[in-house]
């Protein structure tokens, strides 16, 4: 009787259905788990940028784009500060009239 073979979800190697891990990539296999749980989580990689080689013209264009992108944030902050200042002024005016 021949043993039933499966393909490893990671490396696609043929493995017996009774195997607990893939002999090729050593991935742990749980055949009873739903497919979403049987997949290993994605690996994260940490990257450290040590330098940036950018031509001067491209740097100027980047800085102009950043300054234009900051305009909506400045407008929103101005509205918040003016609104808070107006609210505080109204409260102080109301408090002095009650005296």
N, C-alpha and C. Protein backbone atom coordinates (compact mmCIF):
# COMPACT_ATOMS: atom_id res chain seq x y z
N UNK A 1 0.84 -1.18 0.00
CA UNK A 1 0.00 0.00 0.00
C UNK A 1 0.89 1.25 0.00
N UNK A 2 0.59 2.19 -0.88
CA UNK A 2 1.41 3.39 -0.97
C UNK A 2 0.92 4.45 0.00
N UNK A 3 1.87 5.19 0.51
CA UNK A 3 1.56 6.26 1.45
C UNK A 3 1.12 7.50 0.68
N UNK A 4 0.12 8.19 1.20
CA UNK A 4 -0.38 9.39 0.52
C UNK A 4 0.60 10.52 0.73
N UNK A 5 0.89 11.26 -0.33
CA UNK A 5 1.87 12.35 -0.28
C UNK A 5 1.15 13.69 -0.43
N UNK A 6 1.67 14.69 0.23
CA UNK A 6 1.16 16.06 0.18
C UNK A 6 2.28 16.98 -0.26
N UNK A 7 1.92 18.18 -0.65
CA UNK A 7 2.92 19.20 -0.96
C UNK A 7 2.99 20.18 0.21
N UNK A 8 4.22 20.54 0.59
CA UNK A 8 4.43 21.52 1.65
C UNK A 8 3.90 22.87 1.18
N UNK A 9 3.12 23.58 2.01
CA UNK A 9 2.60 24.89 1.61
C UNK A 9 3.69 25.93 1.39
N UNK A 10 4.86 25.75 2.04
CA UNK A 10 5.92 26.75 1.91
C UNK A 10 6.85 26.47 0.74
N UNK A 11 7.45 25.25 0.72
CA UNK A 11 8.48 24.97 -0.28
C UNK A 11 8.00 24.04 -1.38
N UNK A 12 6.76 23.56 -1.30
CA UNK A 12 6.13 22.69 -2.30
C UNK A 12 6.81 21.33 -2.44
N UNK A 13 7.60 20.93 -1.45
CA UNK A 13 8.23 19.61 -1.47
C UNK A 13 7.18 18.55 -1.15
N UNK A 14 7.34 17.33 -1.70
CA UNK A 14 6.42 16.24 -1.39
C UNK A 14 6.77 15.67 -0.03
N UNK A 15 5.75 15.54 0.81
CA UNK A 15 5.95 15.01 2.15
C UNK A 15 4.84 14.02 2.46
N UNK A 16 5.11 13.02 3.30
CA UNK A 16 4.05 12.08 3.68
C UNK A 16 2.98 12.77 4.51
N UNK A 17 1.76 12.27 4.44
CA UNK A 17 0.65 12.91 5.15
C UNK A 17 0.79 12.78 6.66
N UNK A 18 1.59 11.83 7.14
CA UNK A 18 1.77 11.66 8.59
C UNK A 18 2.89 12.56 9.15
N UNK A 19 3.61 13.26 8.30
CA UNK A 19 4.75 14.06 8.75
C UNK A 19 4.28 15.22 9.63
N UNK A 20 5.06 15.53 10.65
CA UNK A 20 4.77 16.64 11.54
C UNK A 20 5.48 17.91 11.10
N UNK A 21 6.54 17.79 10.30
CA UNK A 21 7.23 18.94 9.76
C UNK A 21 7.81 18.59 8.40
N UNK A 22 8.02 19.60 7.58
CA UNK A 22 8.56 19.40 6.24
C UNK A 22 10.04 19.09 6.34
N UNK A 23 10.52 18.02 5.69
CA UNK A 23 11.95 17.72 5.74
C UNK A 23 12.79 18.74 4.95
N UNK A 24 12.16 19.47 4.03
CA UNK A 24 12.91 20.44 3.23
C UNK A 24 13.11 21.77 3.93
N UNK A 25 12.01 22.36 4.40
CA UNK A 25 12.09 23.71 5.01
C UNK A 25 11.88 23.67 6.52
N UNK A 26 11.60 22.51 7.09
CA UNK A 26 11.40 22.31 8.53
C UNK A 26 10.23 23.10 9.08
N UNK A 27 9.25 23.38 8.24
CA UNK A 27 8.05 24.06 8.69
C UNK A 27 7.17 23.08 9.44
N UNK A 28 6.65 23.50 10.57
CA UNK A 28 5.75 22.67 11.35
C UNK A 28 4.42 22.55 10.61
N UNK A 29 3.90 21.32 10.51
CA UNK A 29 2.68 21.09 9.75
C UNK A 29 1.60 20.53 10.67
N UNK A 30 0.43 21.13 10.62
CA UNK A 30 -0.73 20.63 11.35
C UNK A 30 -1.83 20.43 10.32
N UNK A 31 -2.01 19.20 9.87
CA UNK A 31 -2.95 18.91 8.79
C UNK A 31 -4.40 19.03 9.25
N UNK A 32 -4.66 19.00 10.55
CA UNK A 32 -6.02 19.10 11.05
C UNK A 32 -6.48 20.54 11.22
N UNK A 33 -5.54 21.46 11.21
CA UNK A 33 -5.88 22.87 11.40
C UNK A 33 -6.47 23.43 10.11
N UNK A 34 -7.32 24.46 10.21
CA UNK A 34 -7.82 25.12 9.00
C UNK A 34 -6.64 25.71 8.22
N UNK A 35 -6.77 25.88 6.92
CA UNK A 35 -5.66 26.37 6.11
C UNK A 35 -5.09 27.70 6.57
N UNK A 36 -5.94 28.61 7.06
CA UNK A 36 -5.42 29.91 7.50
C UNK A 36 -4.53 29.76 8.72
N UNK A 37 -4.83 28.80 9.60
CA UNK A 37 -4.03 28.60 10.79
C UNK A 37 -2.78 27.78 10.50
N UNK A 38 -2.79 27.01 9.44
CA UNK A 38 -1.64 26.17 9.13
C UNK A 38 -0.51 26.99 8.50
N UNK A 39 -0.81 28.18 8.02
CA UNK A 39 0.22 29.00 7.40
C UNK A 39 1.04 29.69 8.47
N UNK A 40 2.33 29.81 8.22
CA UNK A 40 3.18 30.50 9.18
C UNK A 40 2.99 32.01 9.01
N UNK A 41 3.18 32.76 10.09
CA UNK A 41 3.00 34.21 9.99
C UNK A 41 4.10 34.80 9.11
N UNK A 42 3.82 35.93 8.46
CA UNK A 42 4.84 36.54 7.61
C UNK A 42 6.02 37.00 8.46
N UNK A 43 7.20 36.85 7.91
CA UNK A 43 8.41 37.26 8.64
C UNK A 43 8.62 38.75 8.44
N UNK A 44 9.05 39.42 9.50
CA UNK A 44 9.35 40.84 9.42
C UNK A 44 10.86 41.01 9.35
N UNK A 45 11.27 42.03 8.65
CA UNK A 45 12.68 42.32 8.50
C UNK A 45 12.92 43.75 8.95
N UNK A 46 13.92 43.92 9.79
CA UNK A 46 14.27 45.24 10.28
C UNK A 46 15.28 45.86 9.31
N UNK A 47 15.03 47.11 8.91
CA UNK A 47 15.90 47.80 7.97
C UNK A 47 16.40 49.08 8.62
N UNK A 48 17.70 49.31 8.50
CA UNK A 48 18.30 50.55 9.01
C UNK A 48 18.87 51.30 7.82
N UNK A 49 18.38 52.51 7.59
CA UNK A 49 18.87 53.34 6.50
C UNK A 49 20.07 54.12 7.00
N UNK A 50 21.20 53.93 6.34
CA UNK A 50 22.43 54.60 6.77
C UNK A 50 22.82 55.75 5.87
N UNK A 51 22.20 55.85 4.72
CA UNK A 51 22.53 56.94 3.82
C UNK A 51 21.47 57.10 2.75
N UNK A 52 21.52 58.23 2.08
CA UNK A 52 20.55 58.51 1.03
C UNK A 52 21.30 59.21 -0.09
N UNK A 53 21.36 58.57 -1.25
CA UNK A 53 22.04 59.16 -2.40
C UNK A 53 20.96 59.73 -3.32
N UNK A 54 20.77 61.05 -3.22
CA UNK A 54 19.69 61.71 -3.94
C UNK A 54 20.26 62.94 -4.64
N UNK A 55 20.03 63.06 -5.93
CA UNK A 55 20.52 64.26 -6.63
C UNK A 55 19.88 65.52 -6.06
N UNK A 56 20.60 66.64 -6.17
CA UNK A 56 20.16 67.88 -5.56
C UNK A 56 18.80 68.33 -6.08
N UNK A 57 18.57 68.23 -7.37
CA UNK A 57 17.29 68.63 -7.95
C UNK A 57 16.13 67.81 -7.40
N UNK A 58 16.35 66.50 -7.25
CA UNK A 58 15.31 65.63 -6.68
C UNK A 58 15.07 65.96 -5.21
N UNK A 59 16.14 66.33 -4.50
CA UNK A 59 15.99 66.72 -3.10
C UNK A 59 15.14 67.98 -2.97
N UNK A 60 15.38 68.96 -3.84
CA UNK A 60 14.59 70.19 -3.82
C UNK A 60 13.12 69.87 -4.12
N UNK A 61 12.88 69.01 -5.12
CA UNK A 61 11.50 68.65 -5.46
C UNK A 61 10.82 67.95 -4.28
N UNK A 62 11.55 67.08 -3.60
CA UNK A 62 10.99 66.38 -2.43
C UNK A 62 10.64 67.38 -1.32
N UNK A 63 11.53 68.32 -1.06
CA UNK A 63 11.26 69.31 -0.01
C UNK A 63 10.08 70.20 -0.36
N UNK A 64 9.92 70.55 -1.63
CA UNK A 64 8.77 71.36 -2.04
C UNK A 64 7.48 70.58 -1.85
N UNK A 65 7.50 69.30 -2.23
CA UNK A 65 6.31 68.46 -2.05
C UNK A 65 5.97 68.31 -0.57
N UNK A 66 6.99 68.15 0.28
CA UNK A 66 6.73 68.04 1.73
C UNK A 66 6.14 69.33 2.29
N UNK A 67 6.64 70.46 1.83
CA UNK A 67 6.10 71.73 2.34
C UNK A 67 4.66 71.94 1.87
N UNK A 68 4.35 71.55 0.64
CA UNK A 68 2.97 71.66 0.15
C UNK A 68 2.05 70.70 0.91
N UNK A 69 2.56 69.49 1.21
CA UNK A 69 1.75 68.51 1.93
C UNK A 69 1.48 68.94 3.37
N UNK A 70 2.33 69.81 3.93
CA UNK A 70 2.13 70.24 5.32
C UNK A 70 1.11 71.36 5.45
N UNK A 71 0.69 71.97 4.35
CA UNK A 71 -0.26 73.09 4.41
C UNK A 71 -1.60 72.67 5.03
N UNK A 72 -2.22 71.54 4.62
CA UNK A 72 -3.48 71.17 5.28
C UNK A 72 -3.33 70.94 6.79
N UNK A 73 -2.21 70.38 7.21
CA UNK A 73 -1.99 70.17 8.65
C UNK A 73 -1.90 71.51 9.36
N UNK A 74 -1.23 72.48 8.75
CA UNK A 74 -1.13 73.81 9.36
C UNK A 74 -2.50 74.48 9.45
N UNK A 75 -3.31 74.30 8.44
CA UNK A 75 -4.66 74.88 8.46
C UNK A 75 -5.49 74.24 9.57
N UNK A 76 -5.43 72.94 9.69
CA UNK A 76 -6.20 72.25 10.73
C UNK A 76 -5.75 72.67 12.11
N UNK A 77 -4.43 72.75 12.31
CA UNK A 77 -3.93 73.19 13.62
C UNK A 77 -4.34 74.62 13.93
N UNK A 78 -4.34 75.48 12.93
CA UNK A 78 -4.77 76.87 13.14
C UNK A 78 -6.23 76.92 13.54
N UNK A 79 -7.07 76.14 12.88
CA UNK A 79 -8.49 76.10 13.24
C UNK A 79 -8.67 75.61 14.67
N UNK A 80 -7.91 74.60 15.07
CA UNK A 80 -8.02 74.07 16.43
C UNK A 80 -7.58 75.12 17.45
N UNK A 81 -6.44 75.77 17.20
CA UNK A 81 -5.92 76.76 18.15
C UNK A 81 -6.86 77.95 18.24
N UNK A 82 -7.34 78.45 17.10
CA UNK A 82 -8.26 79.60 17.13
C UNK A 82 -9.57 79.20 17.80
N UNK A 83 -10.06 78.01 17.51
CA UNK A 83 -11.30 77.55 18.14
C UNK A 83 -11.15 77.41 19.64
N UNK A 84 -10.03 76.82 20.08
CA UNK A 84 -9.80 76.68 21.52
C UNK A 84 -9.62 78.04 22.18
N UNK A 85 -8.88 78.93 21.49
CA UNK A 85 -8.69 80.28 22.03
C UNK A 85 -10.01 81.03 22.13
N UNK A 86 -10.86 80.90 21.12
CA UNK A 86 -12.17 81.55 21.16
C UNK A 86 -13.03 80.99 22.27
N UNK A 87 -12.98 79.69 22.47
CA UNK A 87 -13.75 79.06 23.54
C UNK A 87 -13.27 79.56 24.91
N UNK A 88 -11.96 79.64 25.07
CA UNK A 88 -11.41 80.12 26.35
C UNK A 88 -11.77 81.60 26.56
N UNK A 89 -11.72 82.40 25.49
CA UNK A 89 -12.09 83.81 25.60
C UNK A 89 -13.55 83.96 26.00
N UNK A 90 -14.41 83.13 25.38
CA UNK A 90 -15.83 83.20 25.71
C UNK A 90 -16.07 82.79 27.15
N UNK A 91 -15.37 81.79 27.63
CA UNK A 91 -15.53 81.35 29.03
C UNK A 91 -15.04 82.42 29.99
N UNK A 92 -13.92 83.04 29.68
CA UNK A 92 -13.38 84.08 30.57
C UNK A 92 -14.28 85.31 30.58
N UNK A 93 -14.82 85.66 29.41
CA UNK A 93 -15.73 86.81 29.33
C UNK A 93 -17.00 86.53 30.13
N UNK A 94 -17.54 85.33 30.01
CA UNK A 94 -18.74 84.96 30.75
C UNK A 94 -18.47 84.94 32.25
N UNK A 95 -17.29 84.48 32.64
CA UNK A 95 -16.95 84.41 34.07
C UNK A 95 -16.79 85.80 34.65
N UNK A 96 -16.24 86.74 33.89
CA UNK A 96 -16.09 88.11 34.43
C UNK A 96 -17.41 88.83 34.49
N UNK A 97 -18.37 88.51 33.63
CA UNK A 97 -19.68 89.16 33.65
C UNK A 97 -20.52 88.66 34.82
N UNK A 98 -20.23 87.46 35.31
CA UNK A 98 -20.99 86.94 36.43
C UNK A 98 -20.60 87.56 37.75
N UNK A 99 -19.48 88.22 37.81
CA UNK A 99 -19.05 88.84 39.08
C UNK A 99 -19.82 90.01 39.44
